[in-house]
Each structure stands twice: as C-alpha cells, then as structure tokens.
Amino acid sequence: MLKVEFISSAGEAIEIGASFPYVLGRSSGFSGNEVTTRTAKGYNQHGSYYYGSLDGQRVISMTVYFAYETDAEGKRMQKDIARIFNPRLGLGTLIYEDSAGKFKIGAVTSLKPVVYKIDDSENTMTRAFDVVLTCPKPDWLKYEPRSLKMNALTGGMTFPLSFPVTFAESGTGGYIEYLGDNPADIIFDFRVAEGGESMTNPKVTNGAGEYIEIEKTIYEGEKILVDTNPDKPSIIFVGTDGSRSDAWDALVWGSTFFQLVPGENVFTFTATSGDPEVYAEYREHYAGV
C-alpha cells in the first residue's frame, strides 16, 4: 500500500496514504525530474556532440484530501498542515513506501499548502490542499542502510626495518553487488576488532585501484569515520568517550573519496599492524520510485 510521509526539520510529521485523515490524490515528480543535456556544436557540423547529462532538482507536487468531524478540528488540521510544511524550517525528509520498498529524499516546501473546499455535497467535512516540494538532490535513497564488515587482516611493516621485511597483507576484503541506479557514497568505519588492542594505518582499496588510507594508530574503543559524500566529504575521529573531532591530517596523500557504482564492487583491506576491522555503510541511490 502506498504511503508518503513528510517530516519537517523540527521533527513534526504528516502521514499521507489511502485512508483518512490524509489521503493522497493527484501527484507528480516521484519518478521523474528535469535533466540538462549537455551538447556542443562544431563548425559546419550536422547535429552536435553529446558530452553528458546533468540531473536537475526533483519537484514533487501532491494533492491531499483530509477529513474532520467539527469545524474546530478542521481549523486545527489546517494550522498543523501549514506549520509542518513551513519552508522557513529548512530541509525536511520525504519518505515514500510501497510494495517495492521504502525510500527517502531531502525536500523543502516551494509552494505552501493551498487549502480549498472540494465539490462534493456528501462530504462537507472534507477538504483538500495542494503542496509542492523541491528536492535539491534528485536521487531517492534506500531508507535502511546496508553494511559490509571487513576484517581478518594479518601482517605489517615495523620500524626500524629488519630483514626480511614483511609488508601488510590483504585481509578478507569485501564484495558488494550494488543494485542502485546511480553511484552511492560510502561511510567507512575503521575500528579495532573485538578483543584487540590497537590497529595502525588502515587502507581500503577498490577494484579500480582507488584507495582511502589513514596514517594513524587507533586504539580499542576509538574510531575513524570516513564519509565519501562528494558534497560534504569528512574524516572524523571518535574518542573512547564519544567525542568527535576532524581528522583530515590523518588522510594519506593520493586517497580518493570513491563511490559505489552499479554492479560489482570489490574491496581489499590492509593495515600495517594490529587487529583492524572496518564497516562500509551505504544506501542505494535510485533515479525514481
């Protein structure tokens, strides 16, 4: 059964479905969004060169019906609707759920709810409102994140060097069959495996040879979180007390904030010493629902 829920940045929510108090009527934008086709025309050329497409923001419009038992209740519901869809609150979250799954997207009101009477003499206590939401990032994200655990690394390099030198060996690594439509960012959670004391210089490498390497010793109870989101990449050190601080200085030069791509994604995991463990968390990105 189709269900849509909007949650404001203040945490208030309105759930719209197939039964009252809020019923979804006409809607558009859940599946499609504007696209900019990038082309260039050469001198005396037939047609043009194609050099890429850019997704525009997603615009979703909805007509919603709501029912009430008294005029006072109707007025209260109108005030609730206006408050929850208040654009001055900033970016909220729109959740879409049907038989195919549950998805979410960041959204803000771009046309405030317009409430009006419906032309139905049998339902005098029913009204409707139209609202338009703009989603700056057009991809729908799978609601529940997925996680991959990589560990079982042995080996390392110690200083001062003594011969024969032993270099870090690959651990179990990991494999992700990514089912999304568009590339997805990853959050890598580097930590010490259960029962271990520390780990030094963890490194994750993908099948294309791109890597993320951290030059730091991490002790039991600590973490390094690396978020490869291209819009706001981050490297955060989490202490044993839960405190957080930037750790950009621990990133090794040449590291790349790579993304998951549709299809097969293979990773190897290395470290120079200790008992390393890493969790890779991600959400599938979809072009429409």
Foldseek 3Di string as FASTA:
>chain_A
DKKKKWAFPVGDMDIEDCDPQKHWDDKDQQQDFDKDWDWADDPPDDDTHTDDMDTAWTKMKTKMKGFDDDVVVVVVVVVVQQVRQPQVSPWIKMWIDDPVAIWIAIKHWPAGWDKDADPDPVRRRMIMTMTMIIGRDQWIWHPDKDKDKWFAWDAAADPPHDPPTIHTDWGPWDKDQAAADFWWKKKKKKAFPPPWFKFAWKKKAKPVGAIKIFGDIHGHQKIWIFILPVVDTFIWIQHNVRDIDGDPVRTDPRHHRDTDGHGMMTMIMIGRDITMMMMIIIIGIYSRD
